[in-house]
C-alpha atoms as a PDB file:
ATOM      1  CA  MET A   1       0.000   0.000   0.000  1.00  0.00           C
ATOM      2  CA  ARG A   2       1.419   3.386  -1.021  1.00  0.00           C
ATOM      3  CA  PHE A   3       0.544   6.803   0.332  1.00  0.00           C
ATOM      4  CA  ALA A   4       1.344  10.471  -0.169  1.00  0.00           C
ATOM      5  CA  CYS A   5       0.040  13.705   1.249  1.00  0.00           C
ATOM      6  CA  ARG A   6      -2.419  15.897  -0.727  1.00  0.00           C
ATOM      7  CA  TRP A   7      -2.613  19.453   0.550  1.00  0.00           C
ATOM      8  CA  GLN A   8      -5.569  21.827   0.263  1.00  0.00           C
ATOM      9  CA  PRO A   9      -5.530  25.641   0.474  1.00  0.00           C
ATOM     10  CA  ARG A  10      -4.662  26.950   3.906  1.00  0.00           C
ATOM     11  CA  ARG A  11      -8.047  28.453   4.713  1.00  0.00           C
ATOM     12  CA  HIS A  12      -9.677  25.016   4.381  1.00  0.00           C
ATOM     13  CA  ARG A  13      -6.994  22.828   5.846  1.00  0.00           C
ATOM     14  CA  THR A  14      -7.484  20.858   9.050  1.00  0.00           C
ATOM     15  CA  LEU A  15      -6.129  17.491  10.088  1.00  0.00           C
ATOM     16  CA  ARG A  16      -9.007  15.810   8.286  1.00  0.00           C
ATOM     17  CA  THR A  17      -7.938  17.338   4.981  1.00  0.00           C
ATOM     18  CA  LEU A  18      -4.499  15.706   5.065  1.00  0.00           C
ATOM     19  CA  HIS A  19      -5.698  13.055   2.638  1.00  0.00           C
ATOM     20  CA  LEU A  20      -3.510  10.154   1.602  1.00  0.00           C
ATOM     21  CA  ARG A  21      -3.401   8.858  -1.947  1.00  0.00           C
ATOM     22  CA  PRO A  22      -1.355   6.281  -3.855  1.00  0.00           C
ATOM     23  CA  THR A  23       1.948   7.199  -5.431  1.00  0.00           C
ATOM     24  CA  SER A  24       4.726   5.194  -7.021  1.00  0.00           C
ATOM     25  CA  LEU A  25       7.441   7.583  -5.895  1.00  0.00           C
ATOM     26  CA  LEU A  26       7.402   7.890  -2.134  1.00  0.00           C
ATOM     27  CA  LEU A  27       7.931   4.475  -0.683  1.00  0.00           C
ATOM     28  CA  ASN A  28      11.288   3.613  -2.152  1.00  0.00           C
ATOM     29  CA  THR A  29      12.581   1.113   0.351  1.00  0.00           C
ATOM     30  CA  VAL A  30      15.622  -0.989   0.948  1.00  0.00           C
ATOM     31  CA  MET A  31      14.754  -4.281  -0.708  1.00  0.00           C
ATOM     32  CA  SER A  32      17.197  -6.972   0.267  1.00  0.00           C
ATOM     33  CA  SER A  33      17.057 -10.615   1.205  1.00  0.00           C
ATOM     34  CA  ASN A  34      18.974  -9.636   4.344  1.00  0.00           C
ATOM     35  CA  ILE A  35      16.208  -7.372   5.616  1.00  0.00           C
ATOM     36  CA  HIS A  36      13.479  -8.854   7.768  1.00  0.00           C
ATOM     37  CA  PRO A  37       9.948  -8.468   6.300  1.00  0.00           C
ATOM     38  CA  MET A  38       8.752  -6.608   9.403  1.00  0.00           C
ATOM     39  CA  LEU A  39      11.630  -4.168   9.065  1.00  0.00           C
ATOM     40  CA  ASN A  40      10.784  -3.589   5.411  1.00  0.00           C
ATOM     41  CA  VAL A  41       7.229  -2.640   6.375  1.00  0.00           C
ATOM     42  CA  ALA A  42       8.594  -0.260   9.017  1.00  0.00           C
ATOM     43  CA  ILE A  43      10.836   1.345   6.381  1.00  0.00           C
ATOM     44  CA  LYS A  44       7.826   1.844   4.102  1.00  0.00           C
ATOM     45  CA  ALA A  45       5.930   3.453   6.973  1.00  0.00           C
ATOM     46  CA  ALA A  46       8.848   5.744   7.859  1.00  0.00           C
ATOM     47  CA  ARG A  47       9.245   6.903   4.256  1.00  0.00           C
ATOM     48  CA  ALA A  48       5.511   7.564   3.973  1.00  0.00           C
ATOM     49  CA  ALA A  49       5.663   9.740   7.093  1.00  0.00           C
ATOM     50  CA  GLY A  50       8.778  11.456   5.750  1.00  0.00           C
ATOM     51  CA  ALA A  51       6.964  12.347   2.541  1.00  0.00           C
ATOM     52  CA  ILE A  52       4.192  14.032   4.536  1.00  0.00           C
ATOM     53  CA  ILE A  53       6.761  15.928   6.594  1.00  0.00           C
ATOM     54  CA  ASN A  54       8.749  17.057   3.548  1.00  0.00           C
ATOM     55  CA  ARG A  55       5.645  18.304   1.778  1.00  0.00           C
ATOM     56  CA  ALA A  56       4.635  20.299   4.841  1.00  0.00           C
ATOM     57  CA  ALA A  57       8.137  21.737   5.189  1.00  0.00           C
ATOM     58  CA  LEU A  58       7.608  23.571   1.895  1.00  0.00           C
ATOM     59  CA  ASP A  59       5.014  25.773   3.622  1.00  0.00           C
ATOM     60  CA  ILE A  60       5.904  25.796   7.316  1.00  0.00           C
ATOM     61  CA  GLU A  61       3.992  29.010   8.044  1.00  0.00           C
ATOM     62  CA  SER A  62       0.670  27.354   7.222  1.00  0.00           C
ATOM     63  CA  VAL A  63       1.170  24.352   9.524  1.00  0.00           C
ATOM     64  CA  ARG A  64      -1.172  24.356  12.503  1.00  0.00           C
ATOM     65  CA  VAL A  65       0.670  24.172  15.821  1.00  0.00           C
ATOM     66  CA  ALA A  66      -0.666  23.439  19.305  1.00  0.00           C
ATOM     67  CA  ALA A  67       1.130  23.302  22.655  1.00  0.00           C
ATOM     68  CA  LYS A  68       0.816  20.171  24.803  1.00  0.00           C
ATOM     69  CA  GLN A  69       2.440  22.235  27.555  1.00  0.00           C
ATOM     70  CA  THR A  70       4.978  25.062  27.644  1.00  0.00           C
ATOM     71  CA  ASN A  71       7.673  24.496  24.980  1.00  0.00           C
ATOM     72  CA  ASP A  72       6.215  21.088  24.057  1.00  0.00           C
ATOM     73  CA  PHE A  73       4.522  21.327  20.668  1.00  0.00           C
ATOM     74  CA  VAL A  74       2.457  19.129  18.380  1.00  0.00           C
ATOM     75  CA  THR A  75       1.405  19.895  14.821  1.00  0.00           C
ATOM     76  CA  GLU A  76      -1.133  18.535  12.397  1.00  0.00           C
ATOM     77  CA  ILE A  77       1.867  17.013  10.638  1.00  0.00           C
ATOM     78  CA  ASP A  78       2.841  14.934  13.689  1.00  0.00           C
ATOM     79  CA  LYS A  79      -0.676  13.550  13.707  1.00  0.00           C
ATOM     80  CA  ALA A  80      -0.947  12.963   9.958  1.00  0.00           C
ATOM     81  CA  ALA A  81       2.448  11.256   9.853  1.00  0.00           C
ATOM     82  CA  GLU A  82       1.508   9.041  12.798  1.00  0.00           C
ATOM     83  CA  GLU A  83      -1.780   8.085  11.164  1.00  0.00           C
ATOM     84  CA  ALA A  84       0.040   7.075   7.976  1.00  0.00           C
ATOM     85  CA  ILE A  85       2.577   4.995   9.918  1.00  0.00           C
ATOM     86  CA  ILE A  86      -0.073   3.180  11.945  1.00  0.00           C
ATOM     87  CA  GLU A  87      -2.223   2.476   8.890  1.00  0.00           C
ATOM     88  CA  ILE A  88       0.684   0.866   7.040  1.00  0.00           C
ATOM     89  CA  LEU A  89       1.827  -1.154  10.053  1.00  0.00           C
ATOM     90  CA  LEU A  90      -1.626  -2.416  10.998  1.00  0.00           C
ATOM     91  CA  THR A  91      -2.526  -3.213   7.400  1.00  0.00           C
ATOM     92  CA  ALA A  92       0.437  -5.586   7.372  1.00  0.00           C
ATOM     93  CA  PHE A  93       0.166  -6.724  10.998  1.00  0.00           C
ATOM     94  CA  PRO A  94      -3.408  -6.127  12.226  1.00  0.00           C
ATOM     95  CA  ASP A  95      -2.917  -7.902  15.558  1.00  0.00           C
ATOM     96  CA  HIS A  96       0.185  -5.966  16.629  1.00  0.00           C
ATOM     97  CA  GLY A  97       0.043  -3.375  19.397  1.00  0.00           C
ATOM     98  CA  ILE A  98       0.855   0.325  19.047  1.00  0.00           C
ATOM     99  CA  HIS A  99       2.630   2.677  21.467  1.00  0.00           C
ATOM    100  CA  ALA A 100       2.667   6.038  19.706  1.00  0.00           C
ATOM    101  CA  GLU A 101       3.502   9.518  20.960  1.00  0.00           C
ATOM    102  CA  GLU A 102       0.337  11.248  19.772  1.00  0.00           C
ATOM    103  CA  SER A 103      -2.355   8.542  19.835  1.00  0.00           C
ATOM    104  CA  GLY A 104      -1.138   6.559  22.826  1.00  0.00           C
ATOM    105  CA  ILE A 105      -1.345   2.819  23.422  1.00  0.00           C
ATOM    106  CA  GLN A 106      -3.412   0.387  21.382  1.00  0.00           C
ATOM    107  CA  ALA A 107      -3.198  -3.161  22.690  1.00  0.00           C
ATOM    108  CA  GLY A 108      -2.401  -6.019  20.357  1.00  0.00           C
ATOM    109  CA  ARG A 109      -4.542  -9.117  19.998  1.00  0.00           C
ATOM    110  CA  GLY A 110      -4.159 -12.839  20.240  1.00  0.00           C
ATOM    111  CA  GLN A 111      -0.825 -14.538  19.765  1.00  0.00           C
ATOM    112  CA  GLU A 112       0.778 -11.351  18.448  1.00  0.00           C
ATOM    113  CA  ALA A 113      -0.230  -9.135  21.369  1.00  0.00           C
ATOM    114  CA  ASP A 114       3.397  -9.113  22.515  1.00  0.00           C
ATOM    115  CA  HIS A 115       4.445  -7.322  19.292  1.00  0.00           C
ATOM    116  CA  VAL A 116       4.341  -3.566  19.965  1.00  0.00           C
ATOM    117  CA  TRP A 117       5.342  -0.809  17.538  1.00  0.00           C
ATOM    118  CA  ILE A 118       6.860   2.188  19.355  1.00  0.00           C
ATOM    119  CA  ILE A 119       6.415   5.284  17.205  1.00  0.00           C
ATOM    120  CA  ASP A 120       7.579   8.883  17.203  1.00  0.00           C
ATOM    121  CA  PRO A 121       6.214  10.312  13.945  1.00  0.00           C
ATOM    122  CA  LEU A 122       8.216  13.556  14.146  1.00  0.00           C
ATOM    123  CA  ASP A 123      11.026  13.696  16.678  1.00  0.00           C
ATOM    124  CA  GLY A 124      12.214  17.295  16.766  1.00  0.00           C
ATOM    125  CA  THR A 125       8.885  19.077  16.300  1.00  0.00           C
ATOM    126  CA  THR A 126      10.226  22.374  17.666  1.00  0.00           C
ATOM    127  CA  ASN A 127      12.998  22.266  15.063  1.00  0.00           C
ATOM    128  CA  PHE A 128      10.475  21.439  12.334  1.00  0.00           C
ATOM    129  CA  ILE A 129       8.118  24.331  13.054  1.00  0.00           C
ATOM    130  CA  HIS A 130      11.049  26.751  12.976  1.00  0.00           C
ATOM    131  CA  GLY A 131      12.417  25.359   9.718  1.00  0.00           C
ATOM    132  CA  PHE A 132      15.544  24.047  11.458  1.00  0.00           C
ATOM    133  CA  PRO A 133      16.309  20.862   9.476  1.00  0.00           C
ATOM    134  CA  VAL A 134      17.062  18.427  12.299  1.00  0.00           C
ATOM    135  CA  TYR A 135      14.142  16.058  12.864  1.00  0.00           C
ATOM    136  CA  CYS A 136      13.213  12.502  11.988  1.00  0.00           C
ATOM    137  CA  VAL A 137      10.728   9.640  12.047  1.00  0.00           C
ATOM    138  CA  SER A 138      11.424   6.890  14.604  1.00  0.00           C
ATOM    139  CA  ILE A 139       9.821   3.427  14.566  1.00  0.00           C
ATOM    140  CA  ALA A 140      10.782   0.381  16.631  1.00  0.00           C
ATOM    141  CA  LEU A 141       9.221  -3.048  17.067  1.00  0.00           C
ATOM    142  CA  GLN A 142       9.347  -4.467  20.579  1.00  0.00           C
ATOM    143  CA  ILE A 143       8.656  -8.195  20.917  1.00  0.00           C
ATOM    144  CA  LYS A 144       8.186  -9.624  24.409  1.00  0.00           C
ATOM    145  CA  GLY A 145       9.832  -6.537  25.867  1.00  0.00           C
ATOM    146  CA  VAL A 146      12.893  -6.604  23.578  1.00  0.00           C
ATOM    147  CA  ILE A 147      13.523  -4.149  20.722  1.00  0.00           C
ATOM    148  CA  GLU A 148      13.974  -6.359  17.641  1.00  0.00           C
ATOM    149  CA  HIS A 149      13.691  -3.956  14.675  1.00  0.00           C
ATOM    150  CA  ALA A 150      14.359  -0.233  14.334  1.00  0.00           C
ATOM    151  CA  VAL A 151      14.112   2.519  11.726  1.00  0.00           C
ATOM    152  CA  ILE A 152      15.098   6.170  12.014  1.00  0.00           C
ATOM    153  CA  TYR A 153      14.474   8.220   8.884  1.00  0.00           C
ATOM    154  CA  ASP A 154      15.767  11.753   8.353  1.00  0.00           C
ATOM    155  CA  PRO A 155      13.549  13.145   5.578  1.00  0.00           C
ATOM    156  CA  THR A 156      15.602  16.319   5.082  1.00  0.00           C
ATOM    157  CA  ARG A 157      18.686  14.316   4.061  1.00  0.00           C
ATOM    158  CA  ASN A 158      16.970  11.115   2.912  1.00  0.00           C
ATOM    159  CA  ASP A 159      19.100   9.268   5.462  1.00  0.00           C
ATOM    160  CA  LEU A 160      17.721   5.889   6.493  1.00  0.00           C
ATOM    161  CA  PHE A 161      19.130   4.242   9.614  1.00  0.00           C
ATOM    162  CA  TYR A 162      17.889   0.728  10.328  1.00  0.00           C
ATOM    163  CA  ALA A 163      18.706  -2.378  12.323  1.00  0.00           C
ATOM    164  CA  THR A 164      17.469  -5.833  13.243  1.00  0.00           C
ATOM    165  CA  LYS A 165      18.672  -7.437  16.451  1.00  0.00           C
ATOM    166  CA  GLY A 166      21.703  -9.596  15.755  1.00  0.00           C
ATOM    167  CA  ARG A 167      22.141  -8.367  12.167  1.00  0.00           C
ATOM    168  CA  GLY A 168      24.026  -5.098  12.582  1.00  0.00           C
ATOM    169  CA  ALA A 169      23.083  -1.450  12.018  1.00  0.00           C
ATOM    170  CA  TYR A 170      23.002   0.322   8.666  1.00  0.00           C
ATOM    171  CA  LEU A 171      22.803   3.774   7.115  1.00  0.00           C
ATOM    172  CA  ASN A 172      21.536   3.733   3.512  1.00  0.00           C
ATOM    173  CA  GLU A 173      22.690   0.103   3.029  1.00  0.00           C
ATOM    174  CA  ARG A 174      26.140   0.801   4.514  1.00  0.00           C
ATOM    175  CA  ARG A 175      27.106  -0.999   7.720  1.00  0.00           C
ATOM    176  CA  ILE A 176      27.808   1.468  10.523  1.00  0.00           C
ATOM    177  CA  ARG A 177      29.852   1.243  13.708  1.00  0.00           C
ATOM    178  CA  VAL A 178      30.243   3.480  16.739  1.00  0.00           C
ATOM    179  CA  GLY A 179      33.285   5.759  16.864  1.00  0.00           C
ATOM    180  CA  LYS A 180      36.735   4.510  17.838  1.00  0.00           C
ATOM    181  CA  ARG A 181      37.813   7.327  20.156  1.00  0.00           C
ATOM    182  CA  THR A 182      38.889   6.046  23.550  1.00  0.00           C
ATOM    183  CA  GLN A 183      39.491   9.249  25.527  1.00  0.00           C
ATOM    184  CA  LEU A 184      36.676  11.483  26.729  1.00  0.00           C
ATOM    185  CA  LYS A 185      38.868  14.535  26.097  1.00  0.00           C
ATOM    186  CA  ASP A 186      38.706  13.742  22.354  1.00  0.00           C
ATOM    187  CA  ALA A 187      34.992  12.930  22.286  1.00  0.00           C
ATOM    188  CA  LEU A 188      32.189  14.948  20.725  1.00  0.00           C
ATOM    189  CA  LEU A 189      28.987  14.491  22.745  1.00  0.00           C
ATOM    190  CA  SER A 190      25.351  15.415  22.208  1.00  0.00           C
ATOM    191  CA  THR A 191      22.617  16.106  24.728  1.00  0.00           C
ATOM    192  CA  GLY A 192      19.174  17.611  25.172  1.00  0.00           C
ATOM    193  CA  PHE A 193      18.414  20.638  27.327  1.00  0.00           C
ATOM    194  CA  PRO A 194      15.587  20.692  29.885  1.00  0.00           C
ATOM    195  CA  PHE A 195      12.698  22.617  28.352  1.00  0.00           C
ATOM    196  CA  ARG A 196       9.493  21.810  30.234  1.00  0.00           C
ATOM    197  CA  PRO A 197       8.255  23.589  33.371  1.00  0.00           C
ATOM    198  CA  GLY A 198       9.500  21.666  36.380  1.00  0.00           C
ATOM    199  CA  ASP A 199      12.532  20.210  34.626  1.00  0.00           C
ATOM    200  CA  ALA A 200      15.606  20.155  36.847  1.00  0.00           C
ATOM    201  CA  MET A 201      17.653  22.953  35.307  1.00  0.00           C
ATOM    202  CA  LYS A 202      20.169  23.473  38.113  1.00  0.00           C
ATOM    203  CA  PRO A 203      21.370  19.858  38.299  1.00  0.00           C
ATOM    204  CA  TYR A 204      21.562  19.826  34.518  1.00  0.00           C
ATOM    205  CA  LEU A 205      23.822  22.870  34.499  1.00  0.00           C
ATOM    206  CA  ALA A 206      26.004  21.196  37.120  1.00  0.00           C
ATOM    207  CA  MET A 207      26.135  18.114  34.900  1.00  0.00           C
ATOM    208  CA  LEU A 208      27.203  20.233  31.931  1.00  0.00           C
ATOM    209  CA  GLY A 209      29.807  21.843  34.151  1.00  0.00           C
ATOM    210  CA  ASP A 210      31.277  18.402  34.825  1.00  0.00           C
ATOM    211  CA  ILE A 211      31.176  17.259  31.208  1.00  0.00           C
ATOM    212  CA  MET A 212      32.112  20.252  29.060  1.00  0.00           C
ATOM    213  CA  PRO A 213      35.678  20.839  30.330  1.00  0.00           C
ATOM    214  CA  ARG A 214      36.431  17.145  29.927  1.00  0.00           C
ATOM    215  CA  CYS A 215      35.375  16.569  26.304  1.00  0.00           C
ATOM    216  CA  ALA A 216      36.025  18.045  22.865  1.00  0.00           C
ATOM    217  CA  GLY A 217      32.547  19.575  22.639  1.00  0.00           C
ATOM    218  CA  VAL A 218      28.852  19.226  23.450  1.00  0.00           C
ATOM    219  CA  ARG A 219      26.076  19.679  20.879  1.00  0.00           C
ATOM    220  CA  ARG A 220      22.314  20.005  21.304  1.00  0.00           C
ATOM    221  CA  PRO A 221      20.705  19.179  17.913  1.00  0.00           C
ATOM    222  CA  GLY A 222      17.152  18.819  19.295  1.00  0.00           C
ATOM    223  CA  SER A 223      16.198  15.290  18.203  1.00  0.00           C
ATOM    224  CA  ALA A 224      16.991  12.469  20.615  1.00  0.00           C
ATOM    225  CA  ALA A 225      16.367   9.771  18.019  1.00  0.00           C
ATOM    226  CA  LEU A 226      18.833  11.339  15.580  1.00  0.00           C
ATOM    227  CA  ASP A 227      21.333  11.871  18.393  1.00  0.00           C
ATOM    228  CA  LEU A 228      21.312   8.118  19.015  1.00  0.00           C
ATOM    229  CA  ALA A 229      21.516   7.319  15.312  1.00  0.00           C
ATOM    230  CA  TYR A 230      24.553   9.586  15.069  1.00  0.00           C
ATOM    231  CA  VAL A 231      26.247   7.775  17.949  1.00  0.00           C
ATOM    232  CA  ALA A 232      25.605   4.502  16.116  1.00  0.00           C
ATOM    233  CA  ALA A 233      27.128   5.920  12.927  1.00  0.00           C
ATOM    234  CA  GLY A 234      30.169   7.347  14.708  1.00  0.00           C
ATOM    235  CA  PHE A 235      29.234  10.956  13.890  1.00  0.00           C
ATOM    236  CA  SER A 236      29.349  11.675  17.613  1.00  0.00           C
ATOM    237  CA  ASP A 237      30.992   9.687  20.386  1.00  0.00           C
ATOM    238  CA  GLY A 238      28.319   9.795  23.071  1.00  0.00           C
ATOM    239  CA  TYR A 239      24.927  11.109  24.102  1.00  0.00           C
ATOM    240  CA  PHE A 240      23.132  11.786  27.395  1.00  0.00           C
ATOM    241  CA  GLU A 241      19.736  13.205  28.276  1.00  0.00           C
ATOM    242  CA  LYS A 242      17.050  13.158  30.956  1.00  0.00           C
ATOM    243  CA  GLY A 243      13.284  13.223  30.524  1.00  0.00           C
ATOM    244  CA  LEU A 244      12.986  10.924  27.505  1.00  0.00           C
ATOM    245  CA  ALA A 245       9.912   8.858  26.683  1.00  0.00           C
ATOM    246  CA  PRO A 246      10.163   5.329  25.214  1.00  0.00           C
ATOM    247  CA  TRP A 247       9.356   6.566  21.691  1.00  0.00           C
ATOM    248  CA  ASP A 248      12.322   8.966  21.833  1.00  0.00           C
ATOM    249  CA  ALA A 249      14.916   6.237  22.371  1.00  0.00           C
ATOM    250  CA  ALA A 250      13.495   2.831  21.406  1.00  0.00           C
ATOM    251  CA  ALA A 251      14.697   2.726  17.796  1.00  0.00           C
ATOM    252  CA  GLY A 252      17.969   4.491  18.540  1.00  0.00           C
ATOM    253  CA  SER A 253      18.812   2.071  21.322  1.00  0.00           C
ATOM    254  CA  LEU A 254      18.900  -0.869  18.922  1.00  0.00           C
ATOM    255  CA  LEU A 255      20.952   1.078  16.387  1.00  0.00           C
ATOM    256  CA  VAL A 256      23.555   1.855  19.064  1.00  0.00           C
ATOM    257  CA  THR A 257      23.894  -1.705  20.343  1.00  0.00           C
ATOM    258  CA  GLU A 258      23.940  -3.221  16.854  1.00  0.00           C
ATOM    259  CA  ALA A 259      26.685  -0.747  15.941  1.00  0.00           C
ATOM    260  CA  GLY A 260      28.815  -1.971  18.837  1.00  0.00           C
ATOM    261  CA  GLY A 261      27.909   0.667  21.407  1.00  0.00           C
ATOM    262  CA  LEU A 262      26.372   0.610  24.864  1.00  0.00           C
ATOM    263  CA  ILE A 263      23.207   2.322  26.072  1.00  0.00           C
ATOM    264  CA  GLY A 264      21.642   2.582  29.511  1.00  0.00           C
ATOM    265  CA  ASN A 265      20.770   4.954  32.317  1.00  0.00           C
ATOM    266  CA  PHE A 266      23.331   7.261  33.928  1.00  0.00           C
ATOM    267  CA  THR A 267      24.566   4.529  36.264  1.00  0.00           C
ATOM    268  CA  GLY A 268      25.201   2.246  33.297  1.00  0.00           C
ATOM    269  CA  GLU A 269      22.264  -0.127  33.821  1.00  0.00           C
ATOM    270  CA  ALA A 270      20.871  -1.429  30.521  1.00  0.00           C
ATOM    271  CA  ASP A 271      17.200  -1.343  31.591  1.00  0.00           C
ATOM    272  CA  PHE A 272      16.639   2.347  30.821  1.00  0.00           C
ATOM    273  CA  LEU A 273      13.740   2.696  28.381  1.00  0.00           C
ATOM    274  CA  ASN A 274      11.106   3.701  30.924  1.00  0.00           C
ATOM    275  CA  GLN A 275      13.443   5.435  33.383  1.00  0.00           C
ATOM    276  CA  LYS A 276      13.562   8.877  31.684  1.00  0.00           C
ATOM    277  CA  GLU A 277      17.347   8.994  31.531  1.00  0.00           C
ATOM    278  CA  CYS A 278      19.537   7.762  28.731  1.00  0.00           C
ATOM    279  CA  MET A 279      23.244   7.579  27.987  1.00  0.00           C
ATOM    280  CA  ALA A 280      24.892   6.001  24.928  1.00  0.00           C
ATOM    281  CA  ALA A 281      28.451   5.779  23.622  1.00  0.00           C
ATOM    282  CA  ASN A 282      31.111   3.419  22.405  1.00  0.00           C
ATOM    283  CA  PRO A 283      32.263   1.098  25.241  1.00  0.00           C
ATOM    284  CA  ARG A 284      35.370   3.066  26.246  1.00  0.00           C
ATOM    285  CA  ILE A 285      33.646   6.462  26.333  1.00  0.00           C
ATOM    286  CA  TYR A 286      30.590   4.918  28.012  1.00  0.00           C
ATOM    287  CA  GLY A 287      32.578   3.865  31.033  1.00  0.00           C
ATOM    288  CA  GLN A 288      34.052   7.344  31.422  1.00  0.00           C
ATOM    289  CA  LEU A 289      30.591   8.912  31.163  1.00  0.00           C
ATOM    290  CA  VAL A 290      29.227   6.613  33.878  1.00  0.00           C
ATOM    291  CA  SER A 291      31.937   7.823  36.240  1.00  0.00           C
ATOM    292  CA  LEU A 292      30.881  11.436  35.643  1.00  0.00           C
ATOM    293  CA  LEU A 293      27.114  11.177  35.206  1.00  0.00           C
ATOM    294  CA  GLY A 294      26.273   8.380  37.637  1.00  0.00           C
ATOM    295  CA  LYS A 295      25.783  10.801  40.511  1.00  0.00           C
ATOM    296  CA  TYR A 296      23.077  12.630  38.493  1.00  0.00           C
ATOM    297  CA  SER A 297      20.993   9.478  38.124  1.00  0.00           C
ATOM    298  CA  LYS A 298      17.757   9.007  40.030  1.00  0.00           C
ATOM    299  CA  PHE A 299      19.385   5.747  41.165  1.00  0.00           C
ATOM    300  CA  ALA A 300      22.471   7.466  42.589  1.00  0.00           C
ATOM    301  CA  SER A 301      23.412   7.087  46.252  1.00  0.00           C
ATOM    302  CA  ALA A 302      22.148   9.582  48.820  1.00  0.00           C
ATOM    303  CA  GLY A 303      25.657  10.989  49.150  1.00  0.00           C
ATOM    304  CA  ASP A 304      25.979  11.567  45.408  1.00  0.00           C
ATOM    305  CA  LYS A 305      22.577  13.250  45.280  1.00  0.00           C
ATOM    306  CA  ALA A 306      23.591  15.563  48.115  1.00  0.00           C
ATOM    307  CA  ALA A 307      26.761  16.493  46.218  1.00  0.00           C
ATOM    308  CA  VAL A 308      24.690  17.306  43.135  1.00  0.00           C
ATOM    309  CA  ARG A 309      22.369  19.539  45.163  1.00  0.00           C
ATOM    310  CA  GLN A 310      25.351  21.333  46.611  1.00  0.00           C
ATOM    311  CA  ALA A 311      26.869  21.873  43.174  1.00  0.00           C
ATOM    312  CA  ALA A 312      23.560  23.236  41.899  1.00  0.00           C
ATOM    313  CA  SER A 313      23.369  25.581  44.884  1.00  0.00           C
ATOM    314  CA  ASN A 314      26.901  26.787  44.187  1.00  0.00           C
ATOM    315  CA  ALA A 315      26.001  27.421  40.540  1.00  0.00           C
ATOM    316  CA  ALA A 316      23.023  29.525  41.633  1.00  0.00           C
ATOM    317  CA  THR A 317      25.214  31.510  44.019  1.00  0.00           C
ATOM    318  CA  ASP A 318      27.683  32.150  41.212  1.00  0.00           C
ATOM    319  CA  GLY A 319      24.875  33.461  39.026  1.00  0.00           C
ATOM    320  CA  THR A 320      25.207  30.670  36.457  1.00  0.00           C
ATOM    321  CA  GLU A 321      21.695  29.217  36.685  1.00  0.00           C
ATOM    322  CA  GLN A 322      20.245  30.842  33.591  1.00  0.00           C
ATOM    323  CA  ALA A 323      18.594  28.307  31.318  1.00  0.00           C
ATOM    324  CA  PRO A 324      20.185  27.564  27.975  1.00  0.00           C
ATOM    325  CA  ALA A 325      18.171  28.560  24.906  1.00  0.00           C
ATOM    326  CA  VAL A 326      15.861  25.816  23.671  1.00  0.00           C
END
């Protein structure tokens, strides 16, 4: 099944007018005997969503935007892309479950109820609505609690990252591996800034204060899924962030591990997906990050947490508590 996005004039457009129609151009996919059939369907779904996003990007000013809460946005494009993804996935696998950012959880049925698609239709919505070209589609299939297939698609660059558990990670049919740097002082890291009301800004600034003098640089692109894909591809050497939802990191987590990297919470534990903290890197850099970031984990010892509070208090006293720009 093939879909594209047909736009109507702005004065008439609502979510219901984001019609989908067949096309022979949009769903170019990676067809290979080495690719699992479920992964191929996920790739088709990701490309369909990417086509909707790219079409909308031609006229950003006319895209309807709503705020879930302060600095947390959703657009009609998020919703249309998610609808297209779910339709393609459930057409192929009608009994699978869905865990999607915008539409929530839809339980699977029967013997395939333990197959759950974890979907972020547009990771980096704030970037998208500002025309900043760093955003992506993220789709992962979790089977019996384990991520087995993953796709991250960057529609602005037509970059397709994908992986199946045990079969390696790929970018546009090329096998990828995490970076080879072994010293944190040489490493380029990425992160995400706190942006919601109630986010712990002071501890985050203390964390940055620990990390930045010890590495080659820290970047904040604004898409967690792409950050993880870039670690897998060796474009960056590590990534850390708090406040993530499962759809932000599910696909990227498999890419990282299949590319030879490690991913977990700030204390290094691998069971991180629902813990709202994530750290990924190649094995050597990962260990060095654990030694620095472990005390910022919700699972840190009472003594470490007290040290973090003291550091945050010192930062406030020094007048360094201003929030970074989002």
